[in-house]
PDB file of all heavy atoms in Angstrom:
ATOM      1  N   GLY A   1     -35.258  -5.579 109.294  1.00  0.00           N
ATOM      2  CA  GLY A   1     -35.172  -6.987 109.571  1.00  0.00           C
ATOM      3  C   GLY A   1     -33.749  -7.588 109.385  1.00  0.00           C
ATOM      4  O   GLY A   1     -33.492  -8.680 109.822  1.00  0.00           O
ATOM      5  N   ASP A   2     -32.866  -6.852 108.683  1.00  0.00           N
ATOM      6  CA  ASP A   2     -31.494  -7.336 108.501  1.00  0.00           C
ATOM      7  C   ASP A   2     -30.746  -7.399 109.814  1.00  0.00           C
ATOM      8  O   ASP A   2     -30.919  -6.517 110.692  1.00  0.00           O
ATOM      9  CB  ASP A   2     -30.734  -6.388 107.562  1.00  0.00           C
ATOM     10  CG  ASP A   2     -31.046  -6.616 106.081  1.00  0.00           C
ATOM     11  OD1 ASP A   2     -31.579  -7.672 105.773  1.00  0.00           O
ATOM     12  OD2 ASP A   2     -30.721  -5.726 105.261  1.00  0.00           O
ATOM     13  N   ASN A   3     -29.933  -8.436 109.968  1.00  0.00           N
ATOM     14  CA  ASN A   3     -29.004  -8.492 111.076  1.00  0.00           C
ATOM     15  C   ASN A   3     -27.698  -7.826 110.667  1.00  0.00           C
ATOM     16  O   ASN A   3     -27.095  -8.175 109.676  1.00  0.00           O
ATOM     17  CB  ASN A   3     -28.725  -9.943 111.510  1.00  0.00           C
ATOM     18  CG  ASN A   3     -29.931 -10.602 112.079  1.00  0.00           C
ATOM     19  OD1 ASN A   3     -30.807  -9.969 112.616  1.00  0.00           O
ATOM     20  ND2 ASN A   3     -30.036 -11.962 111.964  1.00  0.00           N
ATOM     21  N   VAL A   4     -27.282  -6.851 111.471  1.00  0.00           N
ATOM     22  CA  VAL A   4     -26.120  -6.022 111.091  1.00  0.00           C
ATOM     23  C   VAL A   4     -25.137  -5.922 112.270  1.00  0.00           C
ATOM     24  O   VAL A   4     -25.495  -6.236 113.420  1.00  0.00           O
ATOM     25  CB  VAL A   4     -26.522  -4.597 110.651  1.00  0.00           C
ATOM     26  CG1 VAL A   4     -27.389  -4.678 109.394  1.00  0.00           C
ATOM     27  CG2 VAL A   4     -27.295  -3.894 111.755  1.00  0.00           C
ATOM     28  N   PHE A   5     -23.900  -5.535 111.938  1.00  0.00           N
ATOM     29  CA  PHE A   5     -22.909  -5.240 112.966  1.00  0.00           C
ATOM     30  C   PHE A   5     -22.153  -3.988 112.521  1.00  0.00           C
ATOM     31  O   PHE A   5     -22.067  -3.690 111.347  1.00  0.00           O
ATOM     32  CB  PHE A   5     -22.017  -6.426 113.235  1.00  0.00           C
ATOM     33  CG  PHE A   5     -20.962  -6.675 112.198  1.00  0.00           C
ATOM     34  CD1 PHE A   5     -19.604  -6.599 112.500  1.00  0.00           C
ATOM     35  CD2 PHE A   5     -21.329  -6.991 110.876  1.00  0.00           C
ATOM     36  CE1 PHE A   5     -18.650  -6.843 111.530  1.00  0.00           C
ATOM     37  CE2 PHE A   5     -20.333  -7.224 109.915  1.00  0.00           C
ATOM     38  CZ  PHE A   5     -19.019  -7.143 110.254  1.00  0.00           C
ATOM     39  N   GLY A   6     -21.555  -3.282 113.498  1.00  0.00           N
ATOM     40  CA  GLY A   6     -20.816  -2.108 113.150  1.00  0.00           C
ATOM     41  C   GLY A   6     -20.729  -1.124 114.283  1.00  0.00           C
ATOM     42  O   GLY A   6     -20.661  -1.524 115.462  1.00  0.00           O
ATOM     43  N   ILE A   7     -20.713   0.179 113.919  1.00  0.00           N
ATOM     44  CA  ILE A   7     -20.516   1.225 114.912  1.00  0.00           C
ATOM     45  C   ILE A   7     -21.795   2.041 115.062  1.00  0.00           C
ATOM     46  O   ILE A   7     -22.410   2.487 114.072  1.00  0.00           O
ATOM     47  CB  ILE A   7     -19.408   2.174 114.457  1.00  0.00           C
ATOM     48  CG1 ILE A   7     -18.115   1.390 114.199  1.00  0.00           C
ATOM     49  CG2 ILE A   7     -19.183   3.258 115.537  1.00  0.00           C
ATOM     50  CD1 ILE A   7     -17.546   0.717 115.405  1.00  0.00           C
ATOM     51  N   GLY A   8     -22.263   2.192 116.300  1.00  0.00           N
ATOM     52  CA  GLY A   8     -23.500   2.919 116.570  1.00  0.00           C
ATOM     53  C   GLY A   8     -23.263   4.033 117.570  1.00  0.00           C
ATOM     54  O   GLY A   8     -22.250   4.037 118.298  1.00  0.00           O
ATOM     55  N   ALA A   9     -24.198   4.962 117.637  1.00  0.00           N
ATOM     56  CA  ALA A   9     -24.115   6.050 118.648  1.00  0.00           C
ATOM     57  C   ALA A   9     -24.791   5.560 119.908  1.00  0.00           C
ATOM     58  O   ALA A   9     -25.955   5.439 120.000  1.00  0.00           O
ATOM     59  CB  ALA A   9     -24.855   7.266 118.097  1.00  0.00           C
ATOM     60  N   GLY A  10     -23.934   5.326 120.956  1.00  0.00           N
ATOM     61  CA  GLY A  10     -24.503   4.865 122.228  1.00  0.00           C
ATOM     62  C   GLY A  10     -25.008   3.445 122.151  1.00  0.00           C
ATOM     63  O   GLY A  10     -26.233   3.243 122.194  1.00  0.00           O
ATOM     64  N   SER A  11     -24.106   2.464 122.087  1.00  0.00           N
ATOM     65  CA  SER A  11     -24.569   1.064 121.897  1.00  0.00           C
ATOM     66  C   SER A  11     -24.996   0.416 123.213  1.00  0.00           C
ATOM     67  O   SER A  11     -25.536  -0.695 123.176  1.00  0.00           O
ATOM     68  CB  SER A  11     -23.476   0.245 121.240  1.00  0.00           C
ATOM     69  OG  SER A  11     -22.290   0.246 121.996  1.00  0.00           O
ATOM     70  N   PHE A  12     -24.730   1.037 124.358  1.00  0.00           N
ATOM     71  CA  PHE A  12     -25.165   0.463 125.630  1.00  0.00           C
ATOM     72  C   PHE A  12     -26.638   0.781 125.885  1.00  0.00           C
ATOM     73  O   PHE A  12     -26.969   1.459 126.837  1.00  0.00           O
ATOM     74  CB  PHE A  12     -24.288   0.963 126.782  1.00  0.00           C
ATOM     75  CG  PHE A  12     -22.937   0.324 126.907  1.00  0.00           C
ATOM     76  CD1 PHE A  12     -22.417  -0.434 125.844  1.00  0.00           C
ATOM     77  CD2 PHE A  12     -22.194   0.437 128.054  1.00  0.00           C
ATOM     78  CE1 PHE A  12     -21.170  -1.024 125.946  1.00  0.00           C
ATOM     79  CE2 PHE A  12     -20.938  -0.171 128.133  1.00  0.00           C
ATOM     80  CZ  PHE A  12     -20.420  -0.899 127.101  1.00  0.00           C
ATOM     81  N   ALA A  13     -27.475   0.379 124.975  1.00  0.00           N
ATOM     82  CA  ALA A  13     -28.905   0.699 125.029  1.00  0.00           C
ATOM     83  C   ALA A  13     -29.669  -0.321 124.186  1.00  0.00           C
ATOM     84  O   ALA A  13     -29.111  -1.070 123.454  1.00  0.00           O
ATOM     85  CB  ALA A  13     -29.122   2.103 124.494  1.00  0.00           C
ATOM     86  N   GLU A  14     -30.981  -0.327 124.340  1.00  0.00           N
ATOM     87  CA  GLU A  14     -31.837  -1.240 123.610  1.00  0.00           C
ATOM     88  C   GLU A  14     -31.885  -0.862 122.105  1.00  0.00           C
ATOM     89  O   GLU A  14     -32.109  -1.734 121.278  1.00  0.00           O
ATOM     90  CB  GLU A  14     -33.237  -1.277 124.215  1.00  0.00           C
ATOM     91  CG  GLU A  14     -33.277  -1.921 125.572  1.00  0.00           C
ATOM     92  CD  GLU A  14     -34.670  -1.980 126.148  1.00  0.00           C
ATOM     93  OE1 GLU A  14     -35.393  -0.993 125.992  1.00  0.00           O
ATOM     94  OE2 GLU A  14     -35.006  -2.978 126.777  1.00  0.00           O
ATOM     95  N   TYR A  15     -31.707   0.393 121.808  1.00  0.00           N
ATOM     96  CA  TYR A  15     -31.740   0.863 120.412  1.00  0.00           C
ATOM     97  C   TYR A  15     -30.546   1.828 120.204  1.00  0.00           C
ATOM     98  O   TYR A  15     -30.146   2.586 121.096  1.00  0.00           O
ATOM     99  CB  TYR A  15     -32.999   1.564 120.086  1.00  0.00           C
ATOM    100  CG  TYR A  15     -34.213   0.684 120.134  1.00  0.00           C
ATOM    101  CD1 TYR A  15     -34.934   0.522 121.313  1.00  0.00           C
ATOM    102  CD2 TYR A  15     -34.660   0.026 118.977  1.00  0.00           C
ATOM    103  CE1 TYR A  15     -36.043  -0.320 121.372  1.00  0.00           C
ATOM    104  CE2 TYR A  15     -35.790  -0.826 119.017  1.00  0.00           C
ATOM    105  CZ  TYR A  15     -36.474  -0.972 120.207  1.00  0.00           C
ATOM    106  OH  TYR A  15     -37.551  -1.817 120.264  1.00  0.00           O
ATOM    107  N   SER A  16     -30.004   1.796 118.993  1.00  0.00           N
ATOM    108  CA  SER A  16     -28.876   2.681 118.649  1.00  0.00           C
ATOM    109  C   SER A  16     -29.069   3.162 117.233  1.00  0.00           C
ATOM    110  O   SER A  16     -29.533   2.425 116.335  1.00  0.00           O
ATOM    111  CB  SER A  16     -27.552   1.950 118.810  1.00  0.00           C
ATOM    112  OG  SER A  16     -26.477   2.775 118.448  1.00  0.00           O
ATOM    113  N   VAL A  17     -28.659   4.383 116.979  1.00  0.00           N
ATOM    114  CA  VAL A  17     -28.664   4.979 115.640  1.00  0.00           C
ATOM    115  C   VAL A  17     -27.301   4.760 114.998  1.00  0.00           C
ATOM    116  O   VAL A  17     -26.282   5.082 115.570  1.00  0.00           O
ATOM    117  CB  VAL A  17     -29.021   6.471 115.658  1.00  0.00           C
ATOM    118  CG1 VAL A  17     -28.884   7.087 114.279  1.00  0.00           C
ATOM    119  CG2 VAL A  17     -30.422   6.700 116.166  1.00  0.00           C
ATOM    120  N   CYS A  18     -27.313   4.198 113.755  1.00  0.00           N
ATOM    121  CA  CYS A  18     -26.085   3.950 113.078  1.00  0.00           C
ATOM    122  C   CYS A  18     -26.106   4.622 111.678  1.00  0.00           C
ATOM    123  O   CYS A  18     -27.158   4.617 111.029  1.00  0.00           O
ATOM    124  CB  CYS A  18     -25.865   2.431 112.827  1.00  0.00           C
ATOM    125  SG  CYS A  18     -25.925   1.416 114.302  1.00  0.00           S
ATOM    126  N   ARG A  19     -24.988   5.229 111.323  1.00  0.00           N
ATOM    127  CA  ARG A  19     -24.916   5.718 109.928  1.00  0.00           C
ATOM    128  C   ARG A  19     -24.839   4.531 108.999  1.00  0.00           C
ATOM    129  O   ARG A  19     -24.204   3.512 109.300  1.00  0.00           O
ATOM    130  CB  ARG A  19     -23.659   6.591 109.781  1.00  0.00           C
ATOM    131  CG  ARG A  19     -23.838   8.024 110.287  1.00  0.00           C
ATOM    132  CD  ARG A  19     -22.572   8.829 110.215  1.00  0.00           C
ATOM    133  NE  ARG A  19     -21.707   8.567 109.063  1.00  0.00           N
ATOM    134  CZ  ARG A  19     -20.558   9.175 108.878  1.00  0.00           C
ATOM    135  NH1 ARG A  19     -20.130  10.093 109.747  1.00  0.00           N
ATOM    136  NH2 ARG A  19     -19.810   8.889 107.823  1.00  0.00           N
ATOM    137  N   ASP A  20     -25.451   4.645 107.817  1.00  0.00           N
ATOM    138  CA  ASP A  20     -25.481   3.507 106.945  1.00  0.00           C
ATOM    139  C   ASP A  20     -24.137   3.091 106.401  1.00  0.00           C
ATOM    140  O   ASP A  20     -23.921   1.959 105.962  1.00  0.00           O
ATOM    141  CB  ASP A  20     -26.486   3.729 105.778  1.00  0.00           C
ATOM    142  CG  ASP A  20     -26.053   4.923 104.907  1.00  0.00           C
ATOM    143  OD1 ASP A  20     -25.172   5.693 105.340  1.00  0.00           O
ATOM    144  OD2 ASP A  20     -26.641   5.054 103.796  1.00  0.00           O
ATOM    145  N   ASP A  21     -23.155   4.009 106.480  1.00  0.00           N
ATOM    146  CA  ASP A  21     -21.805   3.688 105.990  1.00  0.00           C
ATOM    147  C   ASP A  21     -20.889   3.176 107.103  1.00  0.00           C
ATOM    148  O   ASP A  21     -19.695   3.034 106.933  1.00  0.00           O
ATOM    149  CB  ASP A  21     -21.146   4.911 105.306  1.00  0.00           C
ATOM    150  CG  ASP A  21     -21.033   6.101 106.226  1.00  0.00           C
ATOM    151  OD1 ASP A  21     -21.569   6.091 107.322  1.00  0.00           O
ATOM    152  OD2 ASP A  21     -20.399   7.114 105.829  1.00  0.00           O
ATOM    153  N   LYS A  22     -21.485   2.896 108.288  1.00  0.00           N
ATOM    154  CA  LYS A  22     -20.721   2.372 109.404  1.00  0.00           C
ATOM    155  C   LYS A  22     -21.238   1.019 109.902  1.00  0.00           C
ATOM    156  O   LYS A  22     -20.895   0.574 111.011  1.00  0.00           O
ATOM    157  CB  LYS A  22     -20.659   3.353 110.552  1.00  0.00           C
ATOM    158  CG  LYS A  22     -19.852   4.627 110.261  1.00  0.00           C
ATOM    159  CD  LYS A  22     -19.565   5.421 111.499  1.00  0.00           C
ATOM    160  CE  LYS A  22     -18.650   6.592 111.214  1.00  0.00           C
ATOM    161  NZ  LYS A  22     -18.219   7.303 112.438  1.00  0.00           N
ATOM    162  N   ILE A  23     -22.051   0.377 109.118  1.00  0.00           N
ATOM    163  CA  ILE A  23     -22.575  -0.946 109.452  1.00  0.00           C
ATOM    164  C   ILE A  23     -22.533  -1.844 108.237  1.00  0.00           C
ATOM    165  O   ILE A  23     -22.424  -1.378 107.103  1.00  0.00           O
ATOM    166  CB  ILE A  23     -24.039  -0.897 109.990  1.00  0.00           C
ATOM    167  CG1 ILE A  23     -24.965  -0.237 108.994  1.00  0.00           C
ATOM    168  CG2 ILE A  23     -24.108  -0.222 111.309  1.00  0.00           C
ATOM    169  CD1 ILE A  23     -26.438  -0.296 109.388  1.00  0.00           C
ATOM    170  N   ALA A  24     -22.595  -3.132 108.481  1.00  0.00           N
ATOM    171  CA  ALA A  24     -22.585  -4.124 107.403  1.00  0.00           C
ATOM    172  C   ALA A  24     -23.419  -5.316 107.856  1.00  0.00           C
ATOM    173  O   ALA A  24     -23.709  -5.484 109.034  1.00  0.00           O
ATOM    174  CB  ALA A  24     -21.160  -4.593 107.079  1.00  0.00           C
ATOM    175  N   LEU A  25     -23.810  -6.150 106.880  1.00  0.00           N
ATOM    176  CA  LEU A  25     -24.575  -7.347 107.178  1.00  0.00           C
ATOM    177  C   LEU A  25     -23.734  -8.301 108.016  1.00  0.00           C
ATOM    178  O   LEU A  25     -22.549  -8.527 107.734  1.00  0.00           O
ATOM    179  CB  LEU A  25     -25.052  -8.010 105.937  1.00  0.00           C
ATOM    180  CG  LEU A  25     -26.027  -7.203 105.056  1.00  0.00           C
ATOM    181  CD1 LEU A  25     -26.349  -7.957 103.769  1.00  0.00           C
ATOM    182  CD2 LEU A  25     -27.350  -6.903 105.830  1.00  0.00           C
ATOM    183  N   MET A  26     -24.332  -8.916 109.029  1.00  0.00           N
ATOM    184  CA  MET A  26     -23.620  -9.879 109.868  1.00  0.00           C
ATOM    185  C   MET A  26     -23.276 -11.141 109.074  1.00  0.00           C
ATOM    186  O   MET A  26     -24.092 -11.582 108.303  1.00  0.00           O
ATOM    187  CB  MET A  26     -24.501 -10.301 111.054  1.00  0.00           C
ATOM    188  CG  MET A  26     -24.321  -9.452 112.310  1.00  0.00           C
ATOM    189  SD  MET A  26     -25.500  -9.935 113.594  1.00  0.00           S
ATOM    190  CE  MET A  26     -25.226 -11.744 113.666  1.00  0.00           C
ATOM    191  N   PRO A  27     -22.107 -11.735 109.336  1.00  0.00           N
ATOM    192  CA  PRO A  27     -21.836 -13.053 108.767  1.00  0.00           C
ATOM    193  C   PRO A  27     -22.832 -14.069 109.290  1.00  0.00           C
ATOM    194  O   PRO A  27     -23.201 -14.031 110.478  1.00  0.00           O
ATOM    195  CB  PRO A  27     -20.420 -13.361 109.298  1.00  0.00           C
ATOM    196  CG  PRO A  27     -19.812 -12.007 109.640  1.00  0.00           C
ATOM    197  CD  PRO A  27     -20.984 -11.194 110.112  1.00  0.00           C
ATOM    198  N   ASP A  28     -23.296 -14.983 108.440  1.00  0.00           N
ATOM    199  CA  ASP A  28     -24.336 -15.918 108.818  1.00  0.00           C
ATOM    200  C   ASP A  28     -23.860 -16.895 109.861  1.00  0.00           C
ATOM    201  O   ASP A  28     -24.670 -17.487 110.600  1.00  0.00           O
ATOM    202  CB  ASP A  28     -24.808 -16.704 107.568  1.00  0.00           C
ATOM    203  CG  ASP A  28     -25.550 -15.846 106.606  1.00  0.00           C
ATOM    204  OD1 ASP A  28     -26.137 -14.797 107.017  1.00  0.00           O
ATOM    205  OD2 ASP A  28     -25.549 -16.149 105.384  1.00  0.00           O
ATOM    206  N   ASN A  29     -22.548 -17.097 109.975  1.00  0.00           N
ATOM    207  CA  ASN A  29     -22.015 -18.079 110.933  1.00  0.00           C
ATOM    208  C   ASN A  29     -21.716 -17.548 112.305  1.00  0.00           C
ATOM    209  O   ASN A  29     -21.136 -18.247 113.139  1.00  0.00           O
ATOM    210  CB  ASN A  29     -20.776 -18.781 110.353  1.00  0.00           C
ATOM    211  CG  ASN A  29     -19.661 -17.809 110.052  1.00  0.00           C
ATOM    212  OD1 ASN A  29     -19.905 -16.601 109.860  1.00  0.00           O
ATOM    213  ND2 ASN A  29     -18.427 -18.257 110.063  1.00  0.00           N
ATOM    214  N   LEU A  30     -22.098 -16.281 112.561  1.00  0.00           N
ATOM    215  CA  LEU A  30     -21.856 -15.716 113.867  1.00  0.00           C
ATOM    216  C   LEU A  30     -23.187 -15.357 114.562  1.00  0.00           C
ATOM    217  O   LEU A  30     -24.131 -14.959 113.895  1.00  0.00           O
ATOM    218  CB  LEU A  30     -21.003 -14.406 113.716  1.00  0.00           C
ATOM    219  CG  LEU A  30     -19.556 -14.531 113.225  1.00  0.00           C
ATOM    220  CD1 LEU A  30     -18.925 -13.196 113.257  1.00  0.00           C
ATOM    221  CD2 LEU A  30     -18.787 -15.569 114.035  1.00  0.00           C
ATOM    222  N   ASP A  31     -23.158 -15.421 115.891  1.00  0.00           N
ATOM    223  CA  ASP A  31     -24.289 -14.950 116.644  1.00  0.00           C
ATOM    224  C   ASP A  31     -24.059 -13.470 116.992  1.00  0.00           C
ATOM    225  O   ASP A  31     -23.037 -12.911 116.701  1.00  0.00           O
ATOM    226  CB  ASP A  31     -24.535 -15.804 117.908  1.00  0.00           C
ATOM    227  CG  ASP A  31     -23.355 -15.834 118.860  1.00  0.00           C
ATOM    228  OD1 ASP A  31     -22.551 -14.857 118.842  1.00  0.00           O
ATOM    229  OD2 ASP A  31     -23.231 -16.783 119.631  1.00  0.00           O
ATOM    230  N   PHE A  32     -25.047 -12.849 117.676  1.00  0.00           N
ATOM    231  CA  PHE A  32     -24.954 -11.424 117.967  1.00  0.00           C
ATOM    232  C   PHE A  32     -23.756 -11.120 118.846  1.00  0.00           C
ATOM    233  O   PHE A  32     -23.071 -10.096 118.628  1.00  0.00           O
ATOM    234  CB  PHE A  32     -26.249 -10.929 118.612  1.00  0.00           C
ATOM    235  CG  PHE A  32     -27.416 -10.859 117.653  1.00  0.00           C
ATOM    236  CD1 PHE A  32     -28.523 -11.619 117.852  1.00  0.00           C
ATOM    237  CD2 PHE A  32     -27.373 -10.010 116.551  1.00  0.00           C
ATOM    238  CE1 PHE A  32     -29.625 -11.571 116.976  1.00  0.00           C
ATOM    239  CE2 PHE A  32     -28.448  -9.935 115.690  1.00  0.00           C
ATOM    240  CZ  PHE A  32     -29.580 -10.721 115.916  1.00  0.00           C
ATOM    241  N   ASN A  33     -23.498 -11.920 119.885  1.00  0.00           N
ATOM    242  CA  ASN A  33     -22.394 -11.647 120.780  1.00  0.00           C
ATOM    243  C   ASN A  33     -21.066 -11.626 120.045  1.00  0.00           C
ATOM    244  O   ASN A  33     -20.234 -10.760 120.211  1.00  0.00           O
ATOM    245  CB  ASN A  33     -22.325 -12.707 121.915  1.00  0.00           C
ATOM    246  CG  ASN A  33     -23.299 -12.375 123.037  1.00  0.00           C
ATOM    247  OD1 ASN A  33     -24.130 -11.453 122.911  1.00  0.00           O
ATOM    248  ND2 ASN A  33     -23.237 -13.113 124.117  1.00  0.00           N
ATOM    249  N   HIS A  34     -20.850 -12.642 119.218  1.00  0.00           N
ATOM    250  CA  HIS A  34     -19.566 -12.734 118.472  1.00  0.00           C
ATOM    251  C   HIS A  34     -19.497 -11.609 117.447  1.00  0.00           C
ATOM    252  O   HIS A  34     -18.384 -11.005 117.261  1.00  0.00           O
ATOM    253  CB  HIS A  34     -19.411 -14.083 117.803  1.00  0.00           C
ATOM    254  CG  HIS A  34     -19.092 -15.181 118.735  1.00  0.00           C
ATOM    255  ND1 HIS A  34     -20.025 -15.802 119.558  1.00  0.00           N
ATOM    256  CD2 HIS A  34     -17.903 -15.809 119.001  1.00  0.00           C
ATOM    257  CE1 HIS A  34     -19.431 -16.729 120.258  1.00  0.00           C
ATOM    258  NE2 HIS A  34     -18.148 -16.759 119.946  1.00  0.00           N
ATOM    259  N   ALA A  35     -20.551 -11.248 116.813  1.00  0.00           N
ATOM    260  CA  ALA A  35     -20.522 -10.196 115.805  1.00  0.00           C
ATOM    261  C   ALA A  35     -20.259  -8.846 116.459  1.00  0.00           C
ATOM    262  O   ALA A  35     -19.534  -8.051 115.895  1.00  0.00           O
ATOM    263  CB  ALA A  35     -21.863 -10.154 115.036  1.00  0.00           C
ATOM    264  N   ALA A  36     -20.852  -8.625 117.647  1.00  0.00           N
ATOM    265  CA  ALA A  36     -20.619  -7.339 118.310  1.00  0.00           C
ATOM    266  C   ALA A  36     -19.179  -7.153 118.771  1.00  0.00           C
ATOM    267  O   ALA A  36     -18.699  -6.023 118.910  1.00  0.00           O
ATOM    268  CB  ALA A  36     -21.555  -7.223 119.528  1.00  0.00           C
ATOM    269  N   ALA A  37     -18.486  -8.255 118.970  1.00  0.00           N
ATOM    270  CA  ALA A  37     -17.101  -8.189 119.405  1.00  0.00           C
ATOM    271  C   ALA A  37     -16.168  -7.678 118.303  1.00  0.00           C
ATOM    272  O   ALA A  37     -15.044  -7.259 118.598  1.00  0.00           O
ATOM    273  CB  ALA A  37     -16.641  -9.552 119.889  1.00  0.00           C
ATOM    274  N   ILE A  38     -16.577  -7.743 117.055  1.00  0.00           N
ATOM    275  CA  ILE A  38     -15.700  -7.510 115.956  1.00  0.00           C
ATOM    276  C   ILE A  38     -15.387  -6.030 115.672  1.00  0.00           C
ATOM    277  O   ILE A  38     -14.198  -5.657 115.481  1.00  0.00           O
ATOM    278  CB  ILE A  38     -16.186  -8.153 114.632  1.00  0.00           C
ATOM    279  CG1 ILE A  38     -16.161  -9.711 114.794  1.00  0.00           C
ATOM    280  CG2 ILE A  38     -15.411  -7.753 113.436  1.00  0.00           C
ATOM    281  CD1 ILE A  38     -16.724 -10.441 113.583  1.00  0.00           C
TER     282      ILE A  38
END
């Protein structure tokens, strides 16, 4: 249920596998589009 951003394997898909050391919790003041840009 956490909203996260980071690096995933094959992100041009509905689901992606991410290593836990390559993602972080999204800042509360950003939406998904802005967070994905970072």
